[in-house]
């Protein structure tokens, strides 16, 4: 409870939520596919954009609070979808109790820990005070109390209770086993910024390929592969003489000709070096689905087993960061090393929150 300027007791309209360390990323977005999360955002009124493939029969009528922030009342066609949790410290249960549309500033204030990590604490604090009609001192006192609770919960291992979700989506679309797997997609702009910041502080490598065509060709193969680290240092680069000739359409895209690769090593000859560079790594590419698949096909064409690695998609993250639902080209240059560098520049911009 807090005291307002008139001296009466009232509960804050906007509270902050500090997720216990052991519960980090144990949330709805971690256990549902992206299309399911997009459908939930539409159903609960966080976006007017109805998903193209809505394969969930949601209960009707739609929730009444639509395109309006629950906490500050600001209206908008695109809001965030906030997960509301209840923590049962005695039984050690983290229970989902609601999904609400929320504006970006209220979401920032809600997750004060994230705001602090991305350098926006002052903005979040000011918004928290404004919505609750507090002074800065009152807001700071509230935050200190919230952090005291967070520290008390820091060592607790909570069981995740998502039974609330089953009111709206089939249990077959809730994948609790995904909690033990690396998170490979992000749902909000804050997620995207944190994703980029963490990558830059890791031993992630950035990879790009040039190929003989697109995935509609069964015999598509890699003819150039480059890998750099997050400091921009070149880890690996090579052109390959392909098994099949490079079609003219592909040459128009990347400019690599059959004459240029005639005296280059084959992928089979370089497979050991490729595996040494990529095996077991966290790999970021601008279009992870394409690069992962085309590399797997190239290994298979050469009678090789391929690599095991964790793949992350910079294009998906950038689409979330920018608010665009469309395919976004990386740039005009189509050579592996330059595209790796362009992807790294993009990640650095996202880490700084630069539009």
Protein backbone atom coordinates (compact mmCIF):
# COMPACT_ATOMS: atom_id res chain seq x y z
CA UNK A 1 0.00 0.00 0.00
CA UNK A 2 1.14 3.55 -0.67
CA UNK A 3 0.04 7.01 0.48
CA UNK A 4 -1.18 9.49 -2.12
CA UNK A 5 -0.97 13.25 -1.88
CA UNK A 6 -4.31 13.44 -0.03
CA UNK A 7 -3.01 11.15 2.69
CA UNK A 8 -5.31 8.19 1.93
CA UNK A 9 -4.05 4.66 1.34
CA UNK A 10 -4.16 3.27 -2.19
CA UNK A 11 -2.59 0.45 -4.18
CA UNK A 12 -0.28 1.42 -7.06
CA UNK A 13 -1.91 1.29 -10.47
CA UNK A 14 1.36 0.24 -12.09
CA UNK A 15 3.55 -2.23 -10.19
CA UNK A 16 6.96 -3.53 -11.16
CA UNK A 17 7.74 -7.20 -11.63
CA UNK A 18 11.20 -8.58 -10.92
CA UNK A 19 11.47 -12.14 -12.15
CA UNK A 20 13.43 -14.41 -9.76
CA UNK A 21 16.76 -15.46 -11.28
CA UNK A 22 15.82 -19.14 -11.40
CA UNK A 23 12.60 -18.26 -13.24
CA UNK A 24 14.30 -16.15 -15.94
CA UNK A 25 12.79 -16.97 -19.37
CA UNK A 26 10.34 -19.42 -17.78
CA UNK A 27 7.37 -17.73 -19.40
CA UNK A 28 4.69 -18.15 -22.05
CA UNK A 29 6.92 -17.06 -24.93
CA UNK A 30 9.39 -19.80 -23.99
CA UNK A 31 6.85 -22.62 -24.39
CA UNK A 32 4.71 -21.63 -27.38
CA UNK A 33 5.57 -21.21 -31.06
CA UNK A 34 5.80 -17.72 -32.46
CA UNK A 35 2.57 -18.07 -34.48
CA UNK A 36 0.74 -19.05 -31.27
CA UNK A 37 2.15 -16.00 -29.45
CA UNK A 38 1.08 -13.76 -32.36
CA UNK A 39 -2.42 -15.24 -32.15
CA UNK A 40 -2.55 -14.57 -28.39
CA UNK A 41 -1.46 -10.97 -28.96
CA UNK A 42 -4.35 -10.47 -31.39
CA UNK A 43 -6.92 -12.20 -29.17
CA UNK A 44 -6.06 -10.22 -26.05
CA UNK A 45 -6.05 -6.90 -27.90
CA UNK A 46 -2.37 -6.07 -28.13
CA UNK A 47 -2.54 -5.71 -31.92
CA UNK A 48 -5.23 -5.07 -34.53
CA UNK A 49 -3.34 -7.23 -37.04
CA UNK A 50 -5.16 -10.55 -37.24
CA UNK A 51 -2.68 -13.41 -37.84
CA UNK A 52 -2.65 -14.73 -41.38
CA UNK A 53 -2.93 -18.32 -40.16
CA UNK A 54 -5.21 -18.31 -37.12
CA UNK A 55 -5.46 -22.03 -36.37
CA UNK A 56 -6.78 -21.60 -32.82
CA UNK A 57 -10.50 -21.56 -31.99
CA UNK A 58 -10.45 -18.92 -29.25
CA UNK A 59 -13.47 -18.64 -26.93
CA UNK A 60 -15.82 -15.79 -27.81
CA UNK A 61 -16.51 -12.96 -27.22
CA UNK A 62 -13.11 -11.29 -27.45
CA UNK A 63 -11.79 -9.59 -24.28
CA UNK A 64 -13.20 -6.08 -23.91
CA UNK A 65 -9.86 -4.33 -23.19
CA UNK A 66 -8.46 -3.92 -26.70
CA UNK A 67 -5.69 -1.69 -28.10
CA UNK A 68 -5.57 0.24 -24.81
CA UNK A 69 -2.90 -0.05 -22.13
CA UNK A 70 -4.35 -1.57 -18.97
CA UNK A 71 -2.21 0.60 -16.71
CA UNK A 72 -1.89 4.11 -18.15
CA UNK A 73 -4.80 4.00 -20.62
CA UNK A 74 -2.81 5.05 -23.69
CA UNK A 75 -4.34 3.74 -26.92
CA UNK A 76 -2.50 2.27 -29.87
CA UNK A 77 -2.86 -0.21 -32.70
CA UNK A 78 0.20 -2.14 -31.52
CA UNK A 79 0.90 -2.82 -27.85
CA UNK A 80 2.88 -5.42 -25.93
CA UNK A 81 1.21 -8.43 -24.34
CA UNK A 82 2.20 -8.59 -20.68
CA UNK A 83 2.16 -11.77 -18.60
CA UNK A 84 0.85 -11.35 -15.06
CA UNK A 85 2.22 -13.81 -12.49
CA UNK A 86 1.49 -14.83 -8.93
CA UNK A 87 4.30 -16.35 -6.84
CA UNK A 88 3.37 -18.87 -4.15
CA UNK A 89 6.54 -18.88 -2.05
CA UNK A 90 5.29 -21.58 0.33
CA UNK A 91 4.49 -24.11 -2.40
CA UNK A 92 7.14 -22.72 -4.77
CA UNK A 93 4.78 -22.18 -7.69
CA UNK A 94 5.00 -19.48 -10.37
CA UNK A 95 1.42 -19.22 -11.68
CA UNK A 96 0.24 -17.33 -14.76
CA UNK A 97 -2.89 -15.37 -13.83
CA UNK A 98 -3.47 -13.07 -16.81
CA UNK A 99 -2.43 -11.66 -20.17
CA UNK A 100 -2.96 -7.93 -20.68
CA UNK A 101 -2.26 -5.38 -23.45
CA UNK A 102 0.31 -2.85 -22.25
CA UNK A 103 2.17 0.08 -23.81
CA UNK A 104 5.94 0.00 -24.30
CA UNK A 105 6.62 2.52 -21.49
CA UNK A 106 4.51 0.67 -18.91
CA UNK A 107 6.18 -2.56 -20.01
CA UNK A 108 9.57 -0.93 -19.50
CA UNK A 109 8.55 0.20 -16.01
CA UNK A 110 7.10 -3.22 -15.20
CA UNK A 111 10.43 -4.87 -15.92
CA UNK A 112 12.70 -2.50 -14.04
CA UNK A 113 15.50 -5.06 -14.04
CA UNK A 114 15.51 -5.12 -17.85
CA UNK A 115 15.32 -1.33 -17.98
CA UNK A 116 18.40 -1.16 -15.80
CA UNK A 117 20.25 -3.66 -18.00
CA UNK A 118 19.64 -1.65 -21.18
CA UNK A 119 20.39 1.71 -19.59
CA UNK A 120 16.83 3.09 -19.40
CA UNK A 121 16.30 3.11 -15.63
CA UNK A 122 15.58 6.85 -15.42
CA UNK A 123 12.85 6.62 -18.09
CA UNK A 124 11.23 3.65 -16.40
CA UNK A 125 11.36 5.31 -12.98
CA UNK A 126 9.84 8.54 -14.28
CA UNK A 127 6.99 6.66 -15.98
CA UNK A 128 6.31 4.56 -12.88
CA UNK A 129 6.04 7.73 -10.80
CA UNK A 130 3.83 9.47 -13.37
CA UNK A 131 1.29 6.67 -13.72
CA UNK A 132 1.01 6.19 -9.95
CA UNK A 133 1.04 9.93 -9.20
CA UNK A 134 4.15 9.54 -7.04
CA UNK A 135 7.13 11.70 -6.32
CA UNK A 136 10.54 10.34 -7.31
CA UNK A 137 11.24 9.58 -3.66
CA UNK A 138 8.03 7.55 -3.33
CA UNK A 139 8.85 5.63 -6.52
CA UNK A 140 12.36 4.83 -5.30
CA UNK A 141 11.04 3.64 -1.93
CA UNK A 142 8.62 1.31 -3.72
CA UNK A 143 11.40 -0.07 -5.94
CA UNK A 144 13.59 -0.80 -2.91
CA UNK A 145 10.76 -2.80 -1.33
CA UNK A 146 10.24 -4.71 -4.60
CA UNK A 147 13.94 -5.55 -4.86
CA UNK A 148 13.90 -6.81 -1.26
CA UNK A 149 11.19 -9.31 -2.24
CA UNK A 150 13.18 -10.24 -5.35
CA UNK A 151 16.30 -10.99 -3.29
CA UNK A 152 14.25 -13.19 -0.96
CA UNK A 153 13.02 -15.21 -3.95
CA UNK A 154 16.38 -15.41 -5.70
CA UNK A 155 17.22 -18.91 -4.46
CA UNK A 156 13.78 -20.48 -4.91
CA UNK A 157 13.18 -22.97 -7.75
CA UNK A 158 9.56 -22.40 -8.80
CA UNK A 159 7.30 -24.86 -10.61
CA UNK A 160 5.63 -23.25 -13.62
CA UNK A 161 1.81 -23.30 -13.63
CA UNK A 162 0.39 -22.36 -17.05
CA UNK A 163 -3.08 -23.83 -16.54
CA UNK A 164 -4.50 -20.35 -17.25
CA UNK A 165 -3.35 -20.73 -20.87
CA UNK A 166 -5.43 -23.86 -21.40
CA UNK A 167 -8.59 -21.72 -21.22
CA UNK A 168 -7.58 -20.21 -24.55
CA UNK A 169 -5.27 -22.55 -26.47
CA UNK A 170 -5.02 -26.37 -26.75
CA UNK A 171 -2.55 -28.06 -24.41
CA UNK A 172 -0.83 -29.49 -27.50
CA UNK A 173 0.39 -25.95 -28.29
CA UNK A 174 2.06 -25.57 -24.87
CA UNK A 175 5.51 -27.16 -24.95
CA UNK A 176 6.85 -27.29 -21.39
CA UNK A 177 9.77 -29.44 -22.58
CA UNK A 178 11.08 -26.36 -24.43
CA UNK A 179 12.07 -24.87 -21.06
CA UNK A 180 15.18 -27.05 -21.10
CA UNK A 181 16.18 -25.90 -24.59
CA UNK A 182 17.91 -22.66 -25.65
CA UNK A 183 15.53 -19.84 -26.48
CA UNK A 184 15.77 -19.06 -30.20
CA UNK A 185 13.22 -16.29 -30.76
CA UNK A 186 12.14 -13.04 -29.14
CA UNK A 187 8.72 -11.50 -28.74
CA UNK A 188 9.18 -7.80 -27.87
CA UNK A 189 11.54 -4.92 -28.62
CA UNK A 190 13.02 -5.23 -25.13
CA UNK A 191 13.68 -8.91 -25.80
CA UNK A 192 15.46 -7.95 -29.03
CA UNK A 193 17.72 -5.41 -27.28
CA UNK A 194 18.64 -7.87 -24.55
CA UNK A 195 19.21 -10.63 -27.13
CA UNK A 196 21.65 -8.40 -29.02
CA UNK A 197 23.48 -7.26 -25.86
CA UNK A 198 23.99 -10.82 -24.67
CA UNK A 199 25.23 -12.01 -28.04
CA UNK A 200 27.88 -9.30 -28.11
CA UNK A 201 29.13 -10.48 -24.71
CA UNK A 202 29.30 -14.15 -25.78
CA UNK A 203 31.49 -16.32 -27.99
CA UNK A 204 28.80 -16.38 -30.69
CA UNK A 205 29.94 -16.47 -34.31
CA UNK A 206 28.19 -14.78 -37.23
CA UNK A 207 27.92 -16.81 -40.43
CA UNK A 208 26.82 -16.13 -43.99
CA UNK A 209 26.67 -18.30 -47.09
CA UNK A 210 26.45 -17.75 -50.84
CA UNK A 211 24.88 -20.58 -52.79
CA UNK A 212 23.97 -22.03 -56.16
CA UNK A 213 20.30 -21.19 -55.63
CA UNK A 214 17.37 -21.17 -53.23
CA UNK A 215 15.84 -23.96 -51.17
CA UNK A 216 13.36 -24.88 -53.91
CA UNK A 217 16.31 -26.63 -55.60
CA UNK A 218 17.08 -30.00 -54.06
CA UNK A 219 20.74 -29.85 -55.16
CA UNK A 220 21.42 -26.32 -53.88
CA UNK A 221 24.88 -26.07 -52.29
CA UNK A 222 27.18 -23.59 -50.59
CA UNK A 223 29.86 -21.97 -52.77
CA UNK A 224 31.10 -19.40 -50.22
CA UNK A 225 31.05 -19.46 -46.43
CA UNK A 226 32.34 -16.89 -43.96
CA UNK A 227 32.33 -16.69 -40.16
CA UNK A 228 33.34 -13.81 -37.89
CA UNK A 229 33.21 -13.38 -34.13
CA UNK A 230 31.33 -10.60 -32.32
CA UNK A 231 34.48 -8.45 -32.31
CA UNK A 232 34.53 -8.55 -36.12
CA UNK A 233 37.52 -10.89 -36.43
CA UNK A 234 37.43 -13.27 -39.39
CA UNK A 235 37.24 -16.87 -38.12
CA UNK A 236 36.81 -18.70 -41.41
CA UNK A 237 36.33 -17.90 -45.10
CA UNK A 238 36.47 -19.92 -48.29
CA UNK A 239 35.05 -20.24 -51.78
CA UNK A 240 34.26 -23.76 -53.02
CA UNK A 241 34.11 -25.43 -56.38
CA UNK A 242 30.55 -26.84 -56.41
CA UNK A 243 29.44 -30.27 -57.56
CA UNK A 244 27.00 -28.62 -59.99
CA UNK A 245 27.58 -25.48 -62.02
CA UNK A 246 26.42 -22.12 -60.72
CA UNK A 247 23.22 -21.05 -62.56
CA UNK A 248 23.15 -17.62 -64.18
CA UNK A 249 20.35 -16.47 -61.86
CA UNK A 250 22.53 -17.11 -58.79
CA UNK A 251 25.52 -15.39 -60.42
CA UNK A 252 23.40 -12.25 -60.90
CA UNK A 253 22.74 -12.15 -57.15
CA UNK A 254 26.21 -12.65 -55.68
CA UNK A 255 28.50 -12.22 -58.71
CA UNK A 256 30.44 -15.46 -58.11
CA UNK A 257 31.16 -17.11 -61.46
CA UNK A 258 32.03 -20.66 -62.41
CA UNK A 259 35.42 -19.41 -63.65
CA UNK A 260 36.12 -17.81 -60.23
CA UNK A 261 35.58 -21.07 -58.33
CA UNK A 262 37.14 -23.39 -60.93
CA UNK A 263 40.45 -23.68 -59.07
CA UNK A 264 38.97 -23.42 -55.54
CA UNK A 265 38.87 -26.39 -53.14
CA UNK A 266 35.68 -28.45 -52.99
CA UNK A 267 33.44 -28.34 -49.95
CA UNK A 268 34.42 -31.96 -49.25
CA UNK A 269 38.06 -30.94 -49.05
CA UNK A 270 37.26 -28.08 -46.66
CA UNK A 271 34.65 -29.93 -44.55
CA UNK A 272 37.09 -30.54 -41.69
CA UNK A 273 37.88 -26.83 -41.38
CA UNK A 274 34.18 -25.91 -41.60
CA UNK A 275 33.31 -28.38 -38.84
CA UNK A 276 36.16 -27.13 -36.65
CA UNK A 277 34.90 -23.55 -37.02
CA UNK A 278 31.17 -24.22 -36.47
CA UNK A 279 30.70 -27.42 -34.45
CA UNK A 280 28.96 -26.85 -31.11
CA UNK A 281 28.85 -23.06 -31.50
CA UNK A 282 26.09 -20.51 -31.18
CA UNK A 283 25.66 -19.39 -34.79
CA UNK A 284 23.85 -16.22 -35.82
CA UNK A 285 22.89 -15.66 -39.44
CA UNK A 286 20.62 -13.08 -40.97
CA UNK A 287 18.25 -15.78 -42.23
CA UNK A 288 18.92 -18.80 -40.02
CA UNK A 289 16.34 -21.04 -41.67
CA UNK A 290 18.01 -20.67 -45.07
CA UNK A 291 21.66 -20.88 -44.02
CA UNK A 292 21.12 -23.83 -41.69
CA UNK A 293 19.21 -25.80 -44.33
CA UNK A 294 21.53 -25.04 -47.24
CA UNK A 295 24.58 -25.97 -45.17
CA UNK A 296 22.94 -29.24 -44.13
CA UNK A 297 22.16 -30.04 -47.77
CA UNK A 298 25.75 -29.30 -48.78
CA UNK A 299 27.11 -31.70 -46.18
CA UNK A 300 24.63 -34.33 -47.38
CA UNK A 301 25.51 -33.83 -51.06
CA UNK A 302 29.12 -34.53 -50.13
CA UNK A 303 28.22 -37.64 -48.13
CA UNK A 304 29.07 -36.00 -44.79
CA UNK A 305 27.26 -36.00 -41.45
CA UNK A 306 27.04 -32.23 -40.90
CA UNK A 307 27.39 -30.20 -37.71
CA UNK A 308 25.51 -29.75 -34.46
CA UNK A 309 25.10 -26.12 -33.42
CA UNK A 310 22.57 -23.68 -31.95
CA UNK A 311 21.24 -21.34 -34.63
CA UNK A 312 19.84 -17.85 -33.98
CA UNK A 313 18.10 -15.64 -36.55
CA UNK A 314 19.07 -11.96 -36.68
CA UNK A 315 16.36 -11.19 -39.24
CA UNK A 316 13.56 -12.39 -36.96
CA UNK A 317 14.97 -10.39 -34.07
CA UNK A 318 15.28 -7.29 -36.23
CA UNK A 319 11.67 -7.68 -37.40
CA UNK A 320 10.53 -7.70 -33.76
CA UNK A 321 12.86 -4.80 -32.91
CA UNK A 322 11.62 -2.66 -35.82
CA UNK A 323 7.96 -3.67 -35.54
CA UNK A 324 7.88 -4.91 -39.13
CA UNK A 325 6.05 -8.09 -40.11
CA UNK A 326 7.74 -8.27 -43.49
CA UNK A 327 10.89 -9.90 -44.86
CA UNK A 328 13.65 -7.32 -44.48
CA UNK A 329 16.65 -7.50 -46.82
CA UNK A 330 20.05 -7.11 -45.17
CA UNK A 331 21.58 -4.86 -47.80
CA UNK A 332 22.74 -4.63 -51.39
CA UNK A 333 26.01 -6.52 -51.11
CA UNK A 334 25.82 -10.30 -51.49
CA UNK A 335 29.19 -11.69 -50.49
CA UNK A 336 29.65 -13.76 -47.38
CA UNK A 337 32.23 -11.68 -45.50
CA UNK A 338 30.45 -8.36 -46.15
CA UNK A 339 27.09 -9.82 -45.13
CA UNK A 340 28.60 -11.13 -41.88
CA UNK A 341 29.87 -7.63 -41.12
CA UNK A 342 26.49 -6.10 -41.99
CA UNK A 343 24.76 -8.53 -39.61
CA UNK A 344 27.20 -7.60 -36.84
CA UNK A 345 26.53 -3.89 -37.40
CA UNK A 346 22.80 -4.58 -37.15
CA UNK A 347 23.22 -6.50 -33.88
CA UNK A 348 25.30 -3.64 -32.44
CA UNK A 349 22.61 -1.13 -33.39
CA UNK A 350 19.90 -3.23 -31.75
CA UNK A 351 22.00 -3.58 -28.59
CA UNK A 352 22.11 0.23 -28.35
CA UNK A 353 18.37 0.53 -29.10
CA UNK A 354 19.06 2.53 -32.28
CA UNK A 355 16.09 2.41 -34.72
